[in-house]
N, C-alpha and C. Protein backbone atom coordinates (compact mmCIF):
# COMPACT_ATOMS: atom_id res chain seq x y z
N MET A 1 -23.31 13.40 -14.71
CA MET A 1 -22.39 12.59 -13.69
C MET A 1 -22.89 11.35 -13.76
N ASN A 2 -22.00 10.19 -13.06
CA ASN A 2 -23.06 9.31 -12.44
C ASN A 2 -21.53 9.31 -11.24
N PHE A 3 -21.96 9.40 -10.08
CA PHE A 3 -20.87 9.69 -9.07
C PHE A 3 -22.17 8.84 -7.94
N ASP A 4 -21.26 8.14 -7.55
CA ASP A 4 -22.06 6.61 -6.18
C ASP A 4 -22.05 7.59 -4.49
N ILE A 5 -22.80 7.99 -4.31
CA ILE A 5 -23.40 9.41 -3.24
C ILE A 5 -22.20 8.66 -1.92
N ASP A 6 -22.08 7.07 -1.99
CA ASP A 6 -21.26 6.13 -1.04
C ASP A 6 -20.26 6.73 -0.84
N TYR A 7 -19.26 7.24 -2.43
CA TYR A 7 -18.48 7.84 -2.13
C TYR A 7 -17.40 8.62 -1.12
N ILE A 8 -19.00 9.91 -1.09
CA ILE A 8 -18.42 10.98 -0.31
C ILE A 8 -18.31 10.61 0.96
N GLY A 9 -19.23 9.25 1.09
CA GLY A 9 -19.30 8.97 2.68
C GLY A 9 -18.17 7.32 2.81
N GLY A 10 -17.36 7.19 2.96
CA GLY A 10 -16.19 6.34 2.30
C GLY A 10 -15.62 7.73 2.55
N LEU A 11 -15.38 8.10 2.26
CA LEU A 11 -14.39 9.58 1.93
C LEU A 11 -13.90 10.55 3.47
N GLY A 12 -15.23 10.52 4.11
CA GLY A 12 -15.28 11.12 4.82
C GLY A 12 -14.99 10.20 6.44
N GLY A 13 -15.67 8.74 6.29
CA GLY A 13 -14.76 8.21 7.08
C GLY A 13 -14.09 7.47 7.05
N ALA A 14 -12.98 7.79 5.80
CA ALA A 14 -12.09 7.34 6.73
C ALA A 14 -10.98 8.65 6.94
N LEU A 15 -11.93 9.46 6.50
CA LEU A 15 -10.97 11.05 7.38
C LEU A 15 -10.94 11.11 8.81
N PHE A 16 -12.11 10.67 8.51
CA PHE A 16 -12.74 11.00 10.53
C PHE A 16 -11.82 9.66 10.96
N GLY A 17 -11.86 7.91 10.44
CA GLY A 17 -10.95 7.14 11.31
C GLY A 17 -9.78 7.12 11.12
N ILE A 18 -9.24 7.74 10.71
CA ILE A 18 -8.00 8.12 10.12
C ILE A 18 -7.21 9.53 11.15
N ALA A 19 -7.75 10.40 11.45
CA ALA A 19 -7.79 11.84 12.47
C ALA A 19 -7.13 11.37 13.31
N ALA A 20 -7.05 10.33 14.49
CA ALA A 20 -6.19 10.48 14.87
C ALA A 20 -5.05 9.38 14.82
N PHE A 21 -4.62 9.10 14.51
CA PHE A 21 -3.21 8.80 13.89
C PHE A 21 -2.26 9.57 14.16
N PRO A 22 -2.07 11.18 14.05
CA PRO A 22 -1.61 11.80 14.72
C PRO A 22 -0.53 11.37 16.81
N SER A 23 -2.44 11.42 17.05
CA SER A 23 -2.89 11.08 18.41
C SER A 23 -1.56 9.92 18.39
N VAL A 24 -2.09 9.04 18.22
CA VAL A 24 -2.10 7.62 18.01
C VAL A 24 -0.93 7.24 17.99
N TYR A 25 0.37 7.25 17.16
CA TYR A 25 1.22 7.67 16.62
C TYR A 25 2.10 8.07 18.06
N LYS A 26 2.09 9.62 18.50
CA LYS A 26 2.80 10.35 19.12
C LYS A 26 2.95 9.30 20.25
N ALA A 27 1.30 9.16 21.06
CA ALA A 27 1.09 8.27 22.06
C ALA A 27 1.79 7.05 22.25
N VAL A 28 1.85 6.27 21.60
CA VAL A 28 2.88 4.94 21.33
C VAL A 28 3.67 5.12 20.97
N ARG A 29 4.52 6.10 20.63
CA ARG A 29 5.86 5.73 20.57
C ARG A 29 7.03 7.06 21.44
N THR A 30 6.15 7.66 22.91
CA THR A 30 6.85 7.72 23.37
C THR A 30 5.48 8.16 24.87
N GLY A 31 4.57 6.83 24.82
CA GLY A 31 4.90 6.43 26.02
C GLY A 31 3.91 7.06 27.07
N SER A 32 3.07 8.22 26.44
CA SER A 32 2.46 8.44 26.72
C SER A 32 0.96 9.62 26.34
N ALA A 33 0.37 9.88 26.84
CA ALA A 33 -0.42 11.40 25.66
C ALA A 33 -1.28 11.88 26.91
N VAL A 34 -0.57 12.24 27.72
CA VAL A 34 -1.35 13.14 28.49
C VAL A 34 -1.41 13.94 28.45
N GLU A 35 -0.36 15.58 27.55
CA GLU A 35 -1.01 16.17 26.48
C GLU A 35 -2.40 16.69 26.36
N VAL A 36 -2.52 14.88 26.11
CA VAL A 36 -4.34 15.28 25.43
C VAL A 36 -5.25 15.53 26.19
N PRO A 37 -5.74 16.00 26.69
CA PRO A 37 -6.86 16.32 27.72
C PRO A 37 -7.99 15.67 28.46
N ALA A 38 -8.39 14.58 29.15
CA ALA A 38 -8.95 13.58 29.21
C ALA A 38 -10.37 14.24 28.98
N LEU A 39 -10.81 15.52 28.81
CA LEU A 39 -12.44 15.66 28.73
C LEU A 39 -12.30 15.20 27.02
N THR A 40 -11.36 15.75 26.64
CA THR A 40 -12.03 15.47 24.94
C THR A 40 -11.29 14.11 24.89
N ILE A 41 -10.51 13.65 25.03
CA ILE A 41 -10.53 11.98 24.87
C ILE A 41 -12.29 10.98 25.03
N TRP A 42 -12.93 11.56 26.31
CA TRP A 42 -13.79 11.15 26.76
C TRP A 42 -14.76 11.77 25.63
N LEU A 43 -15.35 13.04 25.71
CA LEU A 43 -15.94 13.18 23.97
C LEU A 43 -15.87 12.26 22.83
N PHE A 44 -14.39 12.26 22.17
CA PHE A 44 -14.69 11.40 21.18
C PHE A 44 -14.84 10.80 21.41
N TRP A 45 -14.25 9.62 22.23
CA TRP A 45 -15.17 7.92 22.85
C TRP A 45 -16.34 8.13 22.91
N THR A 46 -17.31 9.14 23.54
CA THR A 46 -18.29 8.76 23.45
C THR A 46 -19.24 9.36 22.41
N ALA A 47 -19.03 10.20 21.52
CA ALA A 47 -19.40 10.49 20.37
C ALA A 47 -19.41 8.99 19.45
N CYS A 48 -18.14 8.71 19.19
CA CYS A 48 -17.90 7.88 18.49
C CYS A 48 -18.78 6.48 18.38
N LEU A 49 -19.10 6.49 19.82
CA LEU A 49 -20.17 5.06 19.83
C LEU A 49 -21.29 5.51 20.01
N THR A 50 -21.35 6.03 20.59
CA THR A 50 -23.11 6.79 20.52
C THR A 50 -23.42 7.02 18.67
N TYR A 51 -22.02 8.23 18.02
CA TYR A 51 -22.73 8.59 16.37
C TYR A 51 -23.01 6.33 16.30
N PHE A 52 -21.91 6.13 16.19
CA PHE A 52 -21.97 5.17 14.72
C PHE A 52 -22.49 3.75 15.16
N GLY A 53 -22.77 3.93 16.65
CA GLY A 53 -23.85 2.53 17.03
C GLY A 53 -25.04 2.99 16.50
N TRP A 54 -25.15 4.22 16.75
CA TRP A 54 -26.16 4.87 16.11
C TRP A 54 -26.49 4.61 13.83
N LEU A 55 -25.95 4.56 13.04
CA LEU A 55 -25.76 4.48 12.22
C LEU A 55 -25.70 3.51 11.68
N PHE A 56 -25.54 2.35 12.59
CA PHE A 56 -25.15 0.70 12.51
C PHE A 56 -27.00 0.47 13.09
N LEU A 57 -27.18 1.12 13.67
CA LEU A 57 -28.37 0.38 13.99
C LEU A 57 -29.81 1.11 13.74
N LYS A 58 -30.03 2.85 12.88
CA LYS A 58 -29.98 3.08 11.55
C LYS A 58 -30.17 2.17 9.98
N PHE A 59 -29.36 2.06 9.95
CA PHE A 59 -28.23 1.89 7.95
C PHE A 59 -28.36 0.84 7.86
N GLY A 60 -27.81 -0.70 9.12
CA GLY A 60 -27.32 -1.47 9.18
C GLY A 60 -25.97 -1.75 8.75
N ILE A 61 -25.12 -2.55 8.41
CA ILE A 61 -23.74 -2.35 8.20
C ILE A 61 -23.49 -2.03 7.20
N GLN A 62 -22.30 -0.69 7.21
CA GLN A 62 -22.28 0.04 5.62
C GLN A 62 -21.12 -0.58 5.34
N TRP A 63 -19.91 -0.19 4.40
CA TRP A 63 -18.60 -0.28 4.30
C TRP A 63 -18.10 0.48 4.88
N PRO A 64 -19.14 2.20 5.03
CA PRO A 64 -17.78 3.61 5.17
C PRO A 64 -18.36 3.44 7.03
N PHE A 65 -19.66 2.39 8.14
CA PHE A 65 -18.93 2.87 9.40
C PHE A 65 -18.16 1.87 9.81
N PHE A 66 -17.13 1.16 8.70
CA PHE A 66 -15.62 0.68 9.54
C PHE A 66 -14.69 1.44 10.25
N PHE A 67 -14.56 2.95 9.47
CA PHE A 67 -13.88 3.81 9.92
C PHE A 67 -14.49 4.11 11.45
N GLY A 68 -15.72 4.26 11.76
CA GLY A 68 -16.23 3.89 12.62
C GLY A 68 -15.08 3.07 13.98
N GLY A 69 -15.18 2.47 13.80
CA GLY A 69 -14.53 1.59 14.98
C GLY A 69 -13.24 1.53 14.69
N VAL A 70 -12.64 1.83 13.81
CA VAL A 70 -11.48 2.49 13.33
C VAL A 70 -11.00 3.95 14.52
N GLU A 71 -11.67 4.34 14.59
CA GLU A 71 -11.53 6.30 15.43
C GLU A 71 -11.99 5.59 16.76
N THR A 72 -12.57 4.51 16.85
CA THR A 72 -13.52 4.45 18.77
C THR A 72 -11.69 3.52 19.64
N VAL A 73 -11.40 2.79 18.16
CA VAL A 73 -10.10 2.34 19.06
C VAL A 73 -8.28 2.93 18.85
N SER A 74 -8.95 4.07 18.23
CA SER A 74 -8.33 4.97 18.39
C SER A 74 -7.30 5.43 19.33
N TRP A 75 -8.86 6.22 19.87
CA TRP A 75 -9.46 6.58 21.21
C TRP A 75 -9.47 6.05 22.21
N SER A 76 -9.24 4.85 21.97
CA SER A 76 -8.98 3.90 23.29
C SER A 76 -7.98 3.73 23.68
N VAL A 77 -6.94 3.67 22.28
CA VAL A 77 -5.62 3.64 22.46
C VAL A 77 -4.91 5.05 22.94
N ILE A 78 -5.34 6.48 22.99
CA ILE A 78 -4.79 7.48 23.12
C ILE A 78 -5.48 8.02 24.68
N ALA A 79 -6.43 7.02 24.45
CA ALA A 79 -7.66 7.12 26.85
C ALA A 79 -6.34 5.80 27.22
N TRP A 80 -5.50 4.85 27.35
CA TRP A 80 -4.36 3.89 28.03
C TRP A 80 -3.70 4.33 28.06
N TYR A 81 -3.23 5.35 26.99
CA TYR A 81 -1.31 5.66 27.29
C TYR A 81 -1.53 7.28 27.68
N HIS A 82 -2.75 7.79 27.70
CA HIS A 82 -2.91 8.38 28.44
C HIS A 82 -3.44 8.11 30.03
N TYR A 83 -4.50 7.26 30.82
CA TYR A 83 -4.03 7.49 32.01
C TYR A 83 -2.84 6.43 32.18
N PHE A 84 -2.44 5.47 32.03
CA PHE A 84 -1.39 4.00 32.28
C PHE A 84 -0.20 4.24 30.91
N PRO A 85 0.63 5.50 31.42
CA PRO A 85 1.28 6.17 30.31
C PRO A 85 2.79 4.73 30.99
N ARG A 86 3.58 4.48 30.05
CA ARG A 86 4.70 3.89 30.87
C ARG A 86 6.02 4.18 30.50
N GLY A 87 7.12 4.20 31.09
CA GLY A 87 7.90 4.36 31.72
C GLY A 87 9.40 5.27 30.25
N HIS A 88 10.47 6.35 31.07
CA HIS A 88 10.70 6.73 29.73
C HIS A 88 11.43 5.61 29.18
N ARG A 89 11.24 5.56 27.49
CA ARG A 89 12.90 4.65 26.89
C ARG A 89 13.70 4.90 27.64
N ARG A 90 14.60 3.50 27.64
CA ARG A 90 15.73 3.48 27.38
C ARG A 90 17.72 3.94 26.45
């Protein structure tokens, strides 16, 4: 069987990239992410920056690494709504 190992990396990257989408969706919909602990936000955000930064520096630009940016942006949105929740919707 001829299977390119990059597909496994792509699948894993995609799953990590979309893992935060339910929390992002809820934060945007409700205008708040205060239920997500700040330590969790900071750990995931720092992990994304350091790990995906290391992958980029070690291996250069690879298509599975795109999802690292998606995950980092997702955690940034969650952090924004955690620290700057908007008022109740009318």
